[in-house]
Amino acid sequence: MSSTLGDLIDSQFGTRFLIPWKWLTPNSRQTLEIVFQLTMDSEQDFSEGFALHHLYYVNLNDVKAIRYLDGHKINIALEEIKKIVSLGQYQELPTLDDREFKAEININTFEVYDDMIRKATNIEDLAEAILARLEAEFNISVRNREIICERVQWYNANPLTLEAIGKKYGITRERIRQITKNFESPKISISGKIKFIEDLEPLLPISTSLDDLGLLGAKSGLTSEEEMDLVQCNALIDAVSSQDFLDRYFDRIQELLDLTEETDEIVSAVSKFRRKMGFIDANYVASELSISEESAVEATRKKYPRSVISNSLILARTESHVSTFESAIGKQLLLIPELDANMLLDGAKRFGTMRNDPMTGEESDYINIIHSICGNPPNLDTFRQNQLYEVEFSESDKWLIRVFNSSPNGLMHRIELTRVSIESRINLGSITAYCGSNPLIRNHSSGIYSLVGNTPSKETVTTHAELALIQDRAFSFSIEYDGSNLLLIFSPNLNTYASGVIMPSREIKELVAGYTFTPTCKCGAIDTKQILRLTNEGFWLGYQSIFSHAFQDHEYGVNSEFRLFFNFDLKTATLQP
């Protein structure tokens, strides 16, 4: 186990190069200055910077004793130093033996984060890249990060109101404004070309309206949604583009806005009522716009000429894309060319849960729409006749089909899916999403799943579940103490992998009660928002990110032993591969 900060950093170029403070972000510089002030001899001169050499004299136990220093900040500082020592400019620095700078050497402290912005290809990735860049510059707590993400327009296409956030987090509107002040309209200067802007620029002159630009953006892959949200896009462009493009972009947006305003205002307003699965409730539109339901239906038809209607429920189909609802229906018919409408609707509703669309309309209206586009009884041939292009299985769909077809009775228990996913190097979080929302899968009782169309008896389901659980091994663990810290050595079973939850012993519960731990690894930080925490009911949550990291990055297998070191001062849980 490493005993100094220097042991945590590997440099093939030596340890005596003097790293100037300006090469670190302000937060990391402040963290290291505190560490040096409290752990090093006062005669040491850190006015110009520091060297890796100094870190070998900073004992980890001394760092742990700085109780008011967040361990997460120390990890961030170490990650920045690791990046610095890998740069070519690092070898050009003076050494401790020759502290005079012969030339000014500069690097972009935020280059790693700026490069993420340059490489982002769609709205969602660009928003995440900007957030990462701001996190590197500002000290943002986990709670404040959530508030920022739910409030700012450049990150969230549908931001929450001050009132909604206040109720959710129990804080005042003024406090929300204070938290989000520096993040509402960020300005980040990026050198070089930004991929998202390069792909967006050619769409501006060929767009005939704002709606058309949104559709073209989606067609060009600038968003993962069916339409590109222009309000969010505008905020992102304002944050990172050059002034030259910013002026040209907003000039064109104003031109398109003027054209849009010349069209029927009601028609223009209809699109904001379209749900993720592609439906519009004409009755709700009428209520919100203070018009008749007939006018709402007419406006929707004008906006979406390919609409399919049953009473007040409208499947608003665009001119260029197959709706999400149709995609969910089509995939099921690709698997079984003729299916009952109610069964197809079940699959579509499963997919709707993942898209945050509960599909609350009348079931009879959904059935009527399925019959309109798929025939009665619904079949693949009729469906294809009513589509713009062929619906296809994704690679994930194909993998799931192969897995279920490999089972003699077509059934798979949750833990069996977990075993196969680990062996196939499929992310455990993806399996959870598949089981809960993929339209091709059906959930039976006792944790048993099958493909659509498989209707096993209750006895078959129960028997399969019992056999699957018998084959799973028992969860085993042991603990070792390292001062006030804890090493947990455990061998998960498949149920533990599937849930990401551990049921700790009474001894461990008493030790970790009230603590939360950030998952990390000896190889570096684990990219996750999860934390390890003990619930009031005694469930220790948050392990799935650790499992996924071990499988993806360290070639762990189903039967591997995990060693997890809990540092109660730094509040970290570090995987020791």
Foldseek 3Di string as FASTA:
>chain_A
DDFWLLVLADAPLDWFFFDFLVLAAPLLSVLVVVQCVQQHDPVDDQPGGHTSVVRSSRTPVSVLVPQVRFLVSVQVSSVLVNVVSVDPCSNVGDGPVDNDDPDDDDDDSLVVLLVQQQEDAALQSNLVSVLVSVVRHDPADLVLSVLLQQAACLNDVHHDDLVVVCVVVVHHSVVSCVSCVCPNQAADEHPDHRNNCVQLVVLLVVAQAPQSSQQVCVVSVRYVANGHRVSNVLSSCRHYPDPVVNVVVVVSNVVRVVVVVVDDPLLVPQVVQQARQQKHQLVVSCVVVVHDSVVSVVSLCVNQVLWDWDVRIIRRDHPPDDGNLLLQLQVLCVVPFFDALVLSVVLSCLQCVVSVHNPPDDPVGSSVSQCVQQNVRGGNVSNVVSDPDHRDDDPVRVVVVVVQVVDPLSKDALLRVLQVCLVVLHQLVVSVSCQRRHSQKDADPLRMIGGRPRDDDPVVVVVVNVVVVVPKDDKDWDWDDDDLKIKIKIWDISVCLNQQKDQDDPVVCVSCAPAKAQEQESVGRQPDSFIFHADPVRITHGRSSVVSCCSNPVVDHNGDMWIWIASRSNRHTYTYD
